[in-house]
């Protein structure tokens, strides 16, 4: 693809963290007495900001109730540090080669700034990215504001970038502003869901992603 900047989602796209997020949400909510949901429900909201995720999981929560779940989630989630071993095999090389090609490289994530800041450092991926945007400092996916802010940083148009993600929220966000997207099948949502949002491709392997990007 002939693009000037590649924008990655984080969890489920670069980092193998989906199960840990789902487990942490489940434990935090049920320990506070909220109903135990199907595992797929906790997976399906990954990619949203935490407020939006909890509103979808448990409609009608007050802000205080939401904060208690968020505190519990953080307690479980941060017990496990993201390391280079949590980066999906081959993705560190993909990011490195994107930078070597002269393209910009950035992250648009539903994570909090606190969570992403820690993970950027501990994963070893941080130095590769020019700019990162998080749900708690802009608007949650699928609102495209974080993409618009990244584009403004570079001075590019939507068609000069590509969004790579594993969820419907990633691809929907890109489609809303006419940005090309690539879905990856190793995270939350599978091909049938991802294809609803008109991606340029849905890939099943890192090698296939490299081919689509022309690396």
C-alpha atoms as a PDB file:
ATOM      1  CA  UNK A   1       0.000   0.000   0.000  1.00  0.00           C
ATOM      2  CA  UNK A   2       1.198   3.481  -0.829  1.00  0.00           C
ATOM      3  CA  UNK A   3       0.608   5.301   2.458  1.00  0.00           C
ATOM      4  CA  UNK A   4       2.563   7.839   4.472  1.00  0.00           C
ATOM      5  CA  UNK A   5       1.601   6.724   7.968  1.00  0.00           C
ATOM      6  CA  UNK A   6       0.536   3.424   9.522  1.00  0.00           C
ATOM      7  CA  UNK A   7      -1.703   3.632  12.592  1.00  0.00           C
ATOM      8  CA  UNK A   8      -1.922   0.586  14.849  1.00  0.00           C
ATOM      9  CA  UNK A   9      -4.389  -0.452  17.457  1.00  0.00           C
ATOM     10  CA  UNK A  10      -2.589  -1.828  20.530  1.00  0.00           C
ATOM     11  CA  UNK A  11      -4.363  -4.672  22.374  1.00  0.00           C
ATOM     12  CA  UNK A  12      -5.108  -7.641  20.138  1.00  0.00           C
ATOM     13  CA  UNK A  13      -3.204  -6.146  17.210  1.00  0.00           C
ATOM     14  CA  UNK A  14       0.349  -5.558  18.430  1.00  0.00           C
ATOM     15  CA  UNK A  15       0.051  -7.118  21.885  1.00  0.00           C
ATOM     16  CA  UNK A  16      -1.363 -10.519  22.882  1.00  0.00           C
ATOM     17  CA  UNK A  17      -3.441  -9.195  25.758  1.00  0.00           C
ATOM     18  CA  UNK A  18      -7.093  -9.922  24.933  1.00  0.00           C
ATOM     19  CA  UNK A  19      -7.518 -12.817  27.384  1.00  0.00           C
ATOM     20  CA  UNK A  20      -5.824 -10.882  30.192  1.00  0.00           C
ATOM     21  CA  UNK A  21      -8.106  -7.886  29.660  1.00  0.00           C
ATOM     22  CA  UNK A  22     -11.216 -10.077  29.591  1.00  0.00           C
ATOM     23  CA  UNK A  23     -10.143 -11.958  32.720  1.00  0.00           C
ATOM     24  CA  UNK A  24      -9.355  -8.740  34.592  1.00  0.00           C
ATOM     25  CA  UNK A  25     -12.740  -7.208  33.732  1.00  0.00           C
ATOM     26  CA  UNK A  26     -14.571 -10.372  34.710  1.00  0.00           C
ATOM     27  CA  UNK A  27     -12.802 -10.625  38.068  1.00  0.00           C
ATOM     28  CA  UNK A  28     -13.236  -6.958  38.911  1.00  0.00           C
ATOM     29  CA  UNK A  29     -16.949  -6.889  38.117  1.00  0.00           C
ATOM     30  CA  UNK A  30     -17.991 -10.181  39.677  1.00  0.00           C
ATOM     31  CA  UNK A  31     -16.049  -9.567  42.892  1.00  0.00           C
ATOM     32  CA  UNK A  32     -18.137  -6.414  43.329  1.00  0.00           C
ATOM     33  CA  UNK A  33     -21.340  -8.416  42.864  1.00  0.00           C
ATOM     34  CA  UNK A  34     -22.164  -7.618  39.250  1.00  0.00           C
ATOM     35  CA  UNK A  35     -23.533 -10.434  37.090  1.00  0.00           C
ATOM     36  CA  UNK A  36     -21.119 -12.863  35.478  1.00  0.00           C
ATOM     37  CA  UNK A  37     -21.410 -12.436  31.729  1.00  0.00           C
ATOM     38  CA  UNK A  38     -20.427 -14.743  28.908  1.00  0.00           C
ATOM     39  CA  UNK A  39     -16.699 -14.580  28.220  1.00  0.00           C
ATOM     40  CA  UNK A  40     -17.360 -13.283  24.708  1.00  0.00           C
ATOM     41  CA  UNK A  41     -19.093 -10.225  26.176  1.00  0.00           C
ATOM     42  CA  UNK A  42     -15.899  -9.173  27.950  1.00  0.00           C
ATOM     43  CA  UNK A  43     -13.876  -9.762  24.779  1.00  0.00           C
ATOM     44  CA  UNK A  44     -16.278  -7.909  22.522  1.00  0.00           C
ATOM     45  CA  UNK A  45     -15.836  -4.539  24.260  1.00  0.00           C
ATOM     46  CA  UNK A  46     -12.037  -4.574  23.965  1.00  0.00           C
ATOM     47  CA  UNK A  47     -11.062  -1.558  21.895  1.00  0.00           C
ATOM     48  CA  UNK A  48     -13.567   0.787  23.489  1.00  0.00           C
ATOM     49  CA  UNK A  49     -12.614   3.261  26.199  1.00  0.00           C
ATOM     50  CA  UNK A  50     -13.275   1.880  29.676  1.00  0.00           C
ATOM     51  CA  UNK A  51     -16.317   4.076  30.322  1.00  0.00           C
ATOM     52  CA  UNK A  52     -17.910   3.068  27.031  1.00  0.00           C
ATOM     53  CA  UNK A  53     -17.011  -0.577  27.639  1.00  0.00           C
ATOM     54  CA  UNK A  54     -18.629  -0.650  31.076  1.00  0.00           C
ATOM     55  CA  UNK A  55     -21.728   1.157  29.808  1.00  0.00           C
ATOM     56  CA  UNK A  56     -22.139  -1.613  27.253  1.00  0.00           C
ATOM     57  CA  UNK A  57     -21.446  -4.456  29.701  1.00  0.00           C
ATOM     58  CA  UNK A  58     -23.528  -3.161  32.609  1.00  0.00           C
ATOM     59  CA  UNK A  59     -26.017  -0.492  31.440  1.00  0.00           C
ATOM     60  CA  UNK A  60     -27.134   1.970  34.087  1.00  0.00           C
ATOM     61  CA  UNK A  61     -23.978   2.091  36.194  1.00  0.00           C
ATOM     62  CA  UNK A  62     -23.437   5.267  38.149  1.00  0.00           C
ATOM     63  CA  UNK A  63     -20.080   7.015  37.872  1.00  0.00           C
ATOM     64  CA  UNK A  64     -19.169   5.830  41.370  1.00  0.00           C
ATOM     65  CA  UNK A  65     -20.011   2.224  40.509  1.00  0.00           C
ATOM     66  CA  UNK A  66     -18.048   2.523  37.301  1.00  0.00           C
ATOM     67  CA  UNK A  67     -15.042   3.868  39.168  1.00  0.00           C
ATOM     68  CA  UNK A  68     -15.069   0.947  41.594  1.00  0.00           C
ATOM     69  CA  UNK A  69     -14.983  -1.527  38.713  1.00  0.00           C
ATOM     70  CA  UNK A  70     -12.238   0.486  37.003  1.00  0.00           C
ATOM     71  CA  UNK A  71     -10.149   0.469  40.173  1.00  0.00           C
ATOM     72  CA  UNK A  72     -10.610  -3.280  40.539  1.00  0.00           C
ATOM     73  CA  UNK A  73      -9.752  -3.845  36.902  1.00  0.00           C
ATOM     74  CA  UNK A  74      -6.558  -1.803  37.213  1.00  0.00           C
ATOM     75  CA  UNK A  75      -5.558  -3.823  40.274  1.00  0.00           C
ATOM     76  CA  UNK A  76      -5.823  -7.071  38.323  1.00  0.00           C
ATOM     77  CA  UNK A  77      -4.544  -5.825  34.983  1.00  0.00           C
ATOM     78  CA  UNK A  78      -1.384  -4.171  36.271  1.00  0.00           C
ATOM     79  CA  UNK A  79      -0.338  -7.293  38.191  1.00  0.00           C
ATOM     80  CA  UNK A  80       0.965  -8.485  34.824  1.00  0.00           C
ATOM     81  CA  UNK A  81       3.579  -6.382  33.060  1.00  0.00           C
ATOM     82  CA  UNK A  82       3.572  -6.232  29.267  1.00  0.00           C
ATOM     83  CA  UNK A  83       6.926  -7.540  28.052  1.00  0.00           C
ATOM     84  CA  UNK A  84       8.512  -8.008  24.612  1.00  0.00           C
ATOM     85  CA  UNK A  85       7.287 -11.613  24.797  1.00  0.00           C
ATOM     86  CA  UNK A  86       3.696 -10.325  24.708  1.00  0.00           C
ATOM     87  CA  UNK A  87       4.238  -8.685  21.319  1.00  0.00           C
ATOM     88  CA  UNK A  88       2.759 -10.939  18.631  1.00  0.00           C
ATOM     89  CA  UNK A  89       5.506 -12.813  16.814  1.00  0.00           C
ATOM     90  CA  UNK A  90       6.848 -10.730  13.951  1.00  0.00           C
ATOM     91  CA  UNK A  91       5.039  -7.512  14.788  1.00  0.00           C
ATOM     92  CA  UNK A  92       8.100  -5.791  16.257  1.00  0.00           C
ATOM     93  CA  UNK A  93       9.872  -6.399  12.947  1.00  0.00           C
ATOM     94  CA  UNK A  94       6.872  -5.040  11.027  1.00  0.00           C
ATOM     95  CA  UNK A  95       6.955  -1.815  13.026  1.00  0.00           C
ATOM     96  CA  UNK A  96      10.723  -1.548  12.596  1.00  0.00           C
ATOM     97  CA  UNK A  97      10.487  -2.022   8.830  1.00  0.00           C
ATOM     98  CA  UNK A  98       7.695   0.529   8.523  1.00  0.00           C
ATOM     99  CA  UNK A  99       9.948   3.118  10.123  1.00  0.00           C
ATOM    100  CA  UNK A 100      12.880   2.113   7.925  1.00  0.00           C
ATOM    101  CA  UNK A 101      10.687   2.621   4.864  1.00  0.00           C
ATOM    102  CA  UNK A 102      10.213   6.262   5.831  1.00  0.00           C
ATOM    103  CA  UNK A 103       6.561   5.968   6.839  1.00  0.00           C
ATOM    104  CA  UNK A 104       5.204   7.482  10.006  1.00  0.00           C
ATOM    105  CA  UNK A 105       4.056   5.059  12.687  1.00  0.00           C
ATOM    106  CA  UNK A 106       1.528   5.711  15.460  1.00  0.00           C
ATOM    107  CA  UNK A 107      -0.975   4.126  17.851  1.00  0.00           C
ATOM    108  CA  UNK A 108      -4.696   4.738  18.358  1.00  0.00           C
ATOM    109  CA  UNK A 109      -5.998   2.752  21.322  1.00  0.00           C
ATOM    110  CA  UNK A 110      -8.855   2.344  23.739  1.00  0.00           C
ATOM    111  CA  UNK A 111      -6.322   2.022  26.560  1.00  0.00           C
ATOM    112  CA  UNK A 112      -5.831   4.729  29.149  1.00  0.00           C
ATOM    113  CA  UNK A 113      -2.778   6.940  28.876  1.00  0.00           C
ATOM    114  CA  UNK A 114      -1.482   5.407  32.114  1.00  0.00           C
ATOM    115  CA  UNK A 115      -1.806   1.908  30.742  1.00  0.00           C
ATOM    116  CA  UNK A 116      -0.310   2.681  27.360  1.00  0.00           C
ATOM    117  CA  UNK A 117       2.610   4.631  28.813  1.00  0.00           C
ATOM    118  CA  UNK A 118       3.628   1.622  30.893  1.00  0.00           C
ATOM    119  CA  UNK A 119       3.169  -0.806  28.037  1.00  0.00           C
ATOM    120  CA  UNK A 120       5.103   1.302  25.521  1.00  0.00           C
ATOM    121  CA  UNK A 121       8.110   1.172  27.812  1.00  0.00           C
ATOM    122  CA  UNK A 122       7.905  -2.412  29.034  1.00  0.00           C
ATOM    123  CA  UNK A 123       7.135  -3.891  25.587  1.00  0.00           C
ATOM    124  CA  UNK A 124      10.099  -2.160  23.981  1.00  0.00           C
ATOM    125  CA  UNK A 125       7.913  -0.768  21.179  1.00  0.00           C
ATOM    126  CA  UNK A 126       7.694   2.821  22.418  1.00  0.00           C
ATOM    127  CA  UNK A 127      10.565   4.349  20.409  1.00  0.00           C
ATOM    128  CA  UNK A 128       8.948   3.317  17.117  1.00  0.00           C
ATOM    129  CA  UNK A 129       5.919   5.611  17.415  1.00  0.00           C
ATOM    130  CA  UNK A 130       5.747   9.310  16.561  1.00  0.00           C
ATOM    131  CA  UNK A 131       2.431   9.909  18.331  1.00  0.00           C
ATOM    132  CA  UNK A 132      -0.041   7.843  20.347  1.00  0.00           C
ATOM    133  CA  UNK A 133      -3.629   8.645  21.253  1.00  0.00           C
ATOM    134  CA  UNK A 134      -5.689   7.073  24.057  1.00  0.00           C
ATOM    135  CA  UNK A 135      -9.405   6.940  24.753  1.00  0.00           C
ATOM    136  CA  UNK A 136      -9.201   8.868  28.021  1.00  0.00           C
ATOM    137  CA  UNK A 137      -7.583  11.914  26.377  1.00  0.00           C
ATOM    138  CA  UNK A 138      -9.814  12.157  23.307  1.00  0.00           C
ATOM    139  CA  UNK A 139     -12.981  10.254  22.322  1.00  0.00           C
ATOM    140  CA  UNK A 140     -13.458   6.506  22.368  1.00  0.00           C
ATOM    141  CA  UNK A 141     -13.572   4.444  19.211  1.00  0.00           C
ATOM    142  CA  UNK A 142     -15.442   4.296  16.922  1.00  0.00           C
ATOM    143  CA  UNK A 143     -15.520   8.104  17.033  1.00  0.00           C
ATOM    144  CA  UNK A 144     -12.674   9.053  14.653  1.00  0.00           C
ATOM    145  CA  UNK A 145     -11.354  11.986  16.704  1.00  0.00           C
ATOM    146  CA  UNK A 146      -8.148  10.181  17.682  1.00  0.00           C
ATOM    147  CA  UNK A 147      -7.418   9.479  14.026  1.00  0.00           C
ATOM    148  CA  UNK A 148      -8.111  13.098  13.147  1.00  0.00           C
ATOM    149  CA  UNK A 149      -5.669  14.213  15.845  1.00  0.00           C
ATOM    150  CA  UNK A 150      -2.982  11.868  14.528  1.00  0.00           C
ATOM    151  CA  UNK A 151      -3.515  13.115  10.977  1.00  0.00           C
ATOM    152  CA  UNK A 152      -3.268  16.714  12.177  1.00  0.00           C
ATOM    153  CA  UNK A 153       0.071  15.908  13.838  1.00  0.00           C
ATOM    154  CA  UNK A 154       1.483  14.719  10.511  1.00  0.00           C
ATOM    155  CA  UNK A 155      -0.430  17.087   8.240  1.00  0.00           C
ATOM    156  CA  UNK A 156      -1.832  14.186   6.205  1.00  0.00           C
ATOM    157  CA  UNK A 157      -5.235  13.410   4.696  1.00  0.00           C
ATOM    158  CA  UNK A 158      -7.173  10.244   5.651  1.00  0.00           C
ATOM    159  CA  UNK A 159      -6.393   8.534   2.349  1.00  0.00           C
ATOM    160  CA  UNK A 160      -2.656   8.918   3.048  1.00  0.00           C
ATOM    161  CA  UNK A 161      -2.868   6.701   6.136  1.00  0.00           C
ATOM    162  CA  UNK A 162      -3.992   3.196   7.041  1.00  0.00           C
ATOM    163  CA  UNK A 163      -5.546   1.934  10.278  1.00  0.00           C
ATOM    164  CA  UNK A 164      -4.644  -1.607  11.353  1.00  0.00           C
ATOM    165  CA  UNK A 165      -6.805  -3.244  14.021  1.00  0.00           C
ATOM    166  CA  UNK A 166      -8.464  -6.393  15.291  1.00  0.00           C
ATOM    167  CA  UNK A 167     -11.914  -5.040  16.186  1.00  0.00           C
ATOM    168  CA  UNK A 168     -14.991  -3.620  14.542  1.00  0.00           C
ATOM    169  CA  UNK A 169     -14.341  -0.394  16.440  1.00  0.00           C
ATOM    170  CA  UNK A 170     -10.963   0.104  14.748  1.00  0.00           C
ATOM    171  CA  UNK A 171     -12.288  -0.408  11.244  1.00  0.00           C
ATOM    172  CA  UNK A 172     -15.505   1.533  11.835  1.00  0.00           C
ATOM    173  CA  UNK A 173     -13.452   4.466  13.138  1.00  0.00           C
ATOM    174  CA  UNK A 174     -11.369   4.496   9.964  1.00  0.00           C
ATOM    175  CA  UNK A 175     -14.358   4.127   7.652  1.00  0.00           C
ATOM    176  CA  UNK A 176     -16.076   7.147   9.206  1.00  0.00           C
ATOM    177  CA  UNK A 177     -13.373   9.471   7.849  1.00  0.00           C
ATOM    178  CA  UNK A 178     -12.548   7.617   4.635  1.00  0.00           C
ATOM    179  CA  UNK A 179      -9.281   6.111   5.862  1.00  0.00           C
ATOM    180  CA  UNK A 180      -8.189   2.737   4.447  1.00  0.00           C
ATOM    181  CA  UNK A 181      -8.003  -0.059   6.992  1.00  0.00           C
ATOM    182  CA  UNK A 182      -6.636  -3.555   7.446  1.00  0.00           C
ATOM    183  CA  UNK A 183      -8.229  -6.056   9.798  1.00  0.00           C
ATOM    184  CA  UNK A 184      -6.180  -8.695  11.610  1.00  0.00           C
ATOM    185  CA  UNK A 185      -7.766 -11.976  12.677  1.00  0.00           C
ATOM    186  CA  UNK A 186      -5.528 -12.788  15.635  1.00  0.00           C
ATOM    187  CA  UNK A 187      -7.356 -10.516  18.096  1.00  0.00           C
ATOM    188  CA  UNK A 188     -11.008 -10.031  19.060  1.00  0.00           C
ATOM    189  CA  UNK A 189     -13.194 -10.078  15.936  1.00  0.00           C
ATOM    190  CA  UNK A 190     -13.070 -12.509  13.058  1.00  0.00           C
ATOM    191  CA  UNK A 191     -13.258 -12.013   9.295  1.00  0.00           C
ATOM    192  CA  UNK A 192     -17.039 -11.955   8.943  1.00  0.00           C
ATOM    193  CA  UNK A 193     -17.318  -9.083  11.445  1.00  0.00           C
ATOM    194  CA  UNK A 194     -14.300  -7.145  10.174  1.00  0.00           C
ATOM    195  CA  UNK A 195     -15.412  -7.318   6.542  1.00  0.00           C
ATOM    196  CA  UNK A 196     -18.604  -5.416   7.380  1.00  0.00           C
ATOM    197  CA  UNK A 197     -16.481  -2.245   7.607  1.00  0.00           C
ATOM    198  CA  UNK A 198     -14.962  -2.397   4.104  1.00  0.00           C
ATOM    199  CA  UNK A 199     -11.281  -2.939   4.951  1.00  0.00           C
ATOM    200  CA  UNK A 200      -8.714  -3.088   2.158  1.00  0.00           C
ATOM    201  CA  UNK A 201      -7.824  -6.539   3.487  1.00  0.00           C
ATOM    202  CA  UNK A 202      -8.364  -8.903   6.400  1.00  0.00           C
ATOM    203  CA  UNK A 203      -5.182 -10.833   7.163  1.00  0.00           C
ATOM    204  CA  UNK A 204      -4.666 -14.064   9.058  1.00  0.00           C
ATOM    205  CA  UNK A 205      -0.897 -13.865   9.566  1.00  0.00           C
ATOM    206  CA  UNK A 206       1.892 -11.350  10.060  1.00  0.00           C
ATOM    207  CA  UNK A 207       3.455 -12.472   6.772  1.00  0.00           C
ATOM    208  CA  UNK A 208       0.198 -11.645   4.992  1.00  0.00           C
ATOM    209  CA  UNK A 209       0.130  -8.241   6.681  1.00  0.00           C
ATOM    210  CA  UNK A 210       3.660  -7.573   5.439  1.00  0.00           C
ATOM    211  CA  UNK A 211       2.603  -8.408   1.876  1.00  0.00           C
ATOM    212  CA  UNK A 212      -0.416  -6.110   2.018  1.00  0.00           C
ATOM    213  CA  UNK A 213       1.742  -3.271   3.361  1.00  0.00           C
ATOM    214  CA  UNK A 214       4.410  -3.930   0.727  1.00  0.00           C
ATOM    215  CA  UNK A 215       7.192  -4.531   3.268  1.00  0.00           C
END
